Amino acid sequence: MSELEDERRAKPDELAIDFAKSGKLLELQLQKLSLQKYIYY
């Protein structure tokens, strides 16, 4: 039972890390798009 509990605890952390990484990537992409808009317009 303890092993299953450990896995359940680890999964949310991993999901949170993946979500944080994807959020940072989205922010970087938005920054690049805004920079491109400034360059083109």
PDB file of N, CA and C in Angstrom:
ATOM      1  N   MET A   1       0.835  -1.212   0.000  1.00  0.00           N
ATOM      2  CA  MET A   1       0.000   0.000   0.000  1.00  0.00           C
ATOM      3  C   MET A   1       0.868   1.258   0.000  1.00  0.00           C
ATOM      4  N   SER A   2       1.979   1.227   0.725  1.00  0.00           N
ATOM      5  CA  SER A   2       2.823   2.423   0.828  1.00  0.00           C
ATOM      6  C   SER A   2       3.404   2.787  -0.544  1.00  0.00           C
ATOM      7  N   GLU A   3       3.736   1.762  -1.346  1.00  0.00           N
ATOM      8  CA  GLU A   3       4.306   2.043  -2.672  1.00  0.00           C
ATOM      9  C   GLU A   3       3.285   2.769  -3.550  1.00  0.00           C
ATOM     10  N   LEU A   4       2.039   2.314  -3.526  1.00  0.00           N
ATOM     11  CA  LEU A   4       0.996   2.970  -4.321  1.00  0.00           C
ATOM     12  C   LEU A   4       0.806   4.410  -3.860  1.00  0.00           C
ATOM     13  N   GLU A   5       0.840   4.621  -2.549  1.00  0.00           N
ATOM     14  CA  GLU A   5       0.677   5.981  -2.020  1.00  0.00           C
ATOM     15  C   GLU A   5       1.814   6.867  -2.510  1.00  0.00           C
ATOM     16  N   ASP A   6       3.032   6.331  -2.521  1.00  0.00           N
ATOM     17  CA  ASP A   6       4.182   7.117  -2.985  1.00  0.00           C
ATOM     18  C   ASP A   6       3.996   7.491  -4.450  1.00  0.00           C
ATOM     19  N   GLU A   7       3.525   6.552  -5.263  1.00  0.00           N
ATOM     20  CA  GLU A   7       3.316   6.834  -6.688  1.00  0.00           C
ATOM     21  C   GLU A   7       2.259   7.923  -6.854  1.00  0.00           C
ATOM     22  N   ARG A   8       1.188   7.829  -6.074  1.00  0.00           N
ATOM     23  CA  ARG A   8       0.123   8.837  -6.173  1.00  0.00           C
ATOM     24  C   ARG A   8       0.660  10.207  -5.787  1.00  0.00           C
ATOM     25  N   ARG A   9       1.561  10.255  -4.821  1.00  0.00           N
ATOM     26  CA  ARG A   9       2.141  11.533  -4.400  1.00  0.00           C
ATOM     27  C   ARG A   9       3.072  12.074  -5.475  1.00  0.00           C
ATOM     28  N   ALA A  10       3.784  11.187  -6.155  1.00  0.00           N
ATOM     29  CA  ALA A  10       4.777  11.620  -7.148  1.00  0.00           C
ATOM     30  C   ALA A  10       4.090  12.145  -8.410  1.00  0.00           C
ATOM     31  N   LYS A  11       3.005  11.538  -8.809  1.00  0.00           N
ATOM     32  CA  LYS A  11       2.353  11.928 -10.074  1.00  0.00           C
ATOM     33  C   LYS A  11       1.908  13.396 -10.090  1.00  0.00           C
ATOM     34  N   PRO A  12       1.220  13.890  -9.071  1.00  0.00           N
ATOM     35  CA  PRO A  12       0.817  15.305  -9.097  1.00  0.00           C
ATOM     36  C   PRO A  12       2.021  16.231  -9.205  1.00  0.00           C
ATOM     37  N   ASP A  13       3.119  15.909  -8.514  1.00  0.00           N
ATOM     38  CA  ASP A  13       4.322  16.744  -8.592  1.00  0.00           C
ATOM     39  C   ASP A  13       4.836  16.773 -10.025  1.00  0.00           C
ATOM     40  N   GLU A  14       4.898  15.604 -10.657  1.00  0.00           N
ATOM     41  CA  GLU A  14       5.391  15.532 -12.040  1.00  0.00           C
ATOM     42  C   GLU A  14       4.477  16.339 -12.959  1.00  0.00           C
ATOM     43  N   LEU A  15       3.173  16.206 -12.759  1.00  0.00           N
ATOM     44  CA  LEU A  15       2.221  16.959 -13.585  1.00  0.00           C
ATOM     45  C   LEU A  15       2.414  18.453 -13.369  1.00  0.00           C
ATOM     46  N   ALA A  16       2.636  18.847 -12.117  1.00  0.00           N
ATOM     47  CA  ALA A  16       2.838  20.270 -11.814  1.00  0.00           C
ATOM     48  C   ALA A  16       4.098  20.772 -12.503  1.00  0.00           C
ATOM     49  N   ILE A  17       5.156  19.957 -12.486  1.00  0.00           N
ATOM     50  CA  ILE A  17       6.415  20.350 -13.132  1.00  0.00           C
ATOM     51  C   ILE A  17       6.197  20.476 -14.638  1.00  0.00           C
ATOM     52  N   ASP A  18       5.531  19.484 -15.234  1.00  0.00           N
ATOM     53  CA  ASP A  18       5.261  19.529 -16.683  1.00  0.00           C
ATOM     54  C   ASP A  18       4.421  20.760 -17.015  1.00  0.00           C
ATOM     55  N   PHE A  19       3.432  21.045 -16.175  1.00  0.00           N
ATOM     56  CA  PHE A  19       2.562  22.204 -16.415  1.00  0.00           C
ATOM     57  C   PHE A  19       3.368  23.494 -16.337  1.00  0.00           C
ATOM     58  N   ALA A  20       4.266  23.569 -15.350  1.00  0.00           N
ATOM     59  CA  ALA A  20       5.104  24.766 -15.199  1.00  0.00           C
ATOM     60  C   ALA A  20       5.999  24.932 -16.419  1.00  0.00           C
ATOM     61  N   LYS A  21       6.587  23.808 -16.881  1.00  0.00           N
ATOM     62  CA  LYS A  21       7.467  23.874 -18.059  1.00  0.00           C
ATOM     63  C   LYS A  21       6.680  24.337 -19.279  1.00  0.00           C
ATOM     64  N   SER A  22       5.505  23.755 -19.494  1.00  0.00           N
ATOM     65  CA  SER A  22       4.699  24.133 -20.660  1.00  0.00           C
ATOM     66  C   SER A  22       4.281  25.596 -20.548  1.00  0.00           C
ATOM     67  N   GLY A  23       3.971  26.049 -19.335  1.00  0.00           N
ATOM     68  CA  GLY A  23       3.593  27.446 -19.143  1.00  0.00           C
ATOM     69  C   GLY A  23       4.737  28.375 -19.497  1.00  0.00           C
ATOM     70  N   LYS A  24       5.962  27.997 -19.075  1.00  0.00           N
ATOM     71  CA  LYS A  24       7.125  28.831 -19.391  1.00  0.00           C
ATOM     72  C   LYS A  24       7.358  28.853 -20.898  1.00  0.00           C
ATOM     73  N   LEU A  25       7.198  27.697 -21.539  1.00  0.00           N
ATOM     74  CA  LEU A  25       7.386  27.640 -22.993  1.00  0.00           C
ATOM     75  C   LEU A  25       6.362  28.533 -23.686  1.00  0.00           C
ATOM     76  N   LEU A  26       5.115  28.496 -23.216  1.00  0.00           N
ATOM     77  CA  LEU A  26       4.078  29.338 -23.821  1.00  0.00           C
ATOM     78  C   LEU A  26       4.428  30.807 -23.648  1.00  0.00           C
ATOM     79  N   GLU A  27       4.942  31.163 -22.462  1.00  0.00           N
ATOM     80  CA  GLU A  27       5.320  32.564 -22.220  1.00  0.00           C
ATOM     81  C   GLU A  27       6.424  32.971 -23.181  1.00  0.00           C
ATOM     82  N   LEU A  28       7.416  32.087 -23.368  1.00  0.00           N
ATOM     83  CA  LEU A  28       8.517  32.400 -24.279  1.00  0.00           C
ATOM     84  C   LEU A  28       7.995  32.568 -25.698  1.00  0.00           C
ATOM     85  N   GLN A  29       7.089  31.680 -26.116  1.00  0.00           N
ATOM     86  CA  GLN A  29       6.531  31.766 -27.469  1.00  0.00           C
ATOM     87  C   GLN A  29       5.760  33.074 -27.638  1.00  0.00           C
ATOM     88  N   LEU A  30       4.994  33.465 -26.618  1.00  0.00           N
ATOM     89  CA  LEU A  30       4.237  34.726 -26.701  1.00  0.00           C
ATOM     90  C   LEU A  30       5.196  35.901 -26.788  1.00  0.00           C
ATOM     91  N   GLN A  31       6.288  35.846 -26.026  1.00  0.00           N
ATOM     92  CA  GLN A  31       7.277  36.926 -26.073  1.00  0.00           C
ATOM     93  C   GLN A  31       7.879  37.012 -27.469  1.00  0.00           C
ATOM     94  N   LYS A  32       8.198  35.859 -28.064  1.00  0.00           N
ATOM     95  CA  LYS A  32       8.768  35.845 -29.419  1.00  0.00           C
ATOM     96  C   LYS A  32       7.771  36.432 -30.414  1.00  0.00           C
ATOM     97  N   LEU A  33       6.493  36.055 -30.281  1.00  0.00           N
ATOM     98  CA  LEU A  33       5.470  36.581 -31.187  1.00  0.00           C
ATOM     99  C   LEU A  33       5.351  38.090 -31.032  1.00  0.00           C
ATOM    100  N   SER A  34       5.366  38.576 -29.800  1.00  0.00           N
ATOM    101  CA  SER A  34       5.249  40.022 -29.577  1.00  0.00           C
ATOM    102  C   SER A  34       6.461  40.733 -30.160  1.00  0.00           C
ATOM    103  N   LEU A  35       7.648  40.139 -30.023  1.00  0.00           N
ATOM    104  CA  LEU A  35       8.852  40.745 -30.601  1.00  0.00           C
ATOM    105  C   LEU A  35       8.736  40.787 -32.121  1.00  0.00           C
ATOM    106  N   GLN A  36       8.244  39.699 -32.710  1.00  0.00           N
ATOM    107  CA  GLN A  36       8.080  39.653 -34.167  1.00  0.00           C
ATOM    108  C   GLN A  36       7.090  40.730 -34.613  1.00  0.00           C
ATOM    109  N   LYS A  37       6.021  40.921 -33.849  1.00  0.00           N
ATOM    110  CA  LYS A  37       5.030  41.949 -34.202  1.00  0.00           C
ATOM    111  C   LYS A  37       5.685  43.322 -34.178  1.00  0.00           C
ATOM    112  N   TYR A  38       6.522  43.565 -33.160  1.00  0.00           N
ATOM    113  CA  TYR A  38       7.202  44.866 -33.074  1.00  0.00           C
ATOM    114  C   TYR A  38       8.121  45.057 -34.274  1.00  0.00           C
ATOM    115  N   ILE A  39       8.778  43.971 -34.689  1.00  0.00           N
ATOM    116  CA  ILE A  39       9.708  44.070 -35.818  1.00  0.00           C
ATOM    117  C   ILE A  39       8.936  44.328 -37.117  1.00  0.00           C
ATOM    118  N   TYR A  40       7.837  43.589 -37.316  1.00  0.00           N
ATOM    119  CA  TYR A  40       7.113  43.702 -38.589  1.00  0.00           C
ATOM    120  C   TYR A  40       6.284  44.979 -38.668  1.00  0.00           C
ATOM    121  N   TYR A  41       5.720  45.422 -37.522  1.00  0.00           N
ATOM    122  CA  TYR A  41       4.797  46.560 -37.596  1.00  0.00           C
ATOM    123  C   TYR A  41       5.444  47.867 -37.173  1.00  0.00           C
TER     124      TYR A  41
END
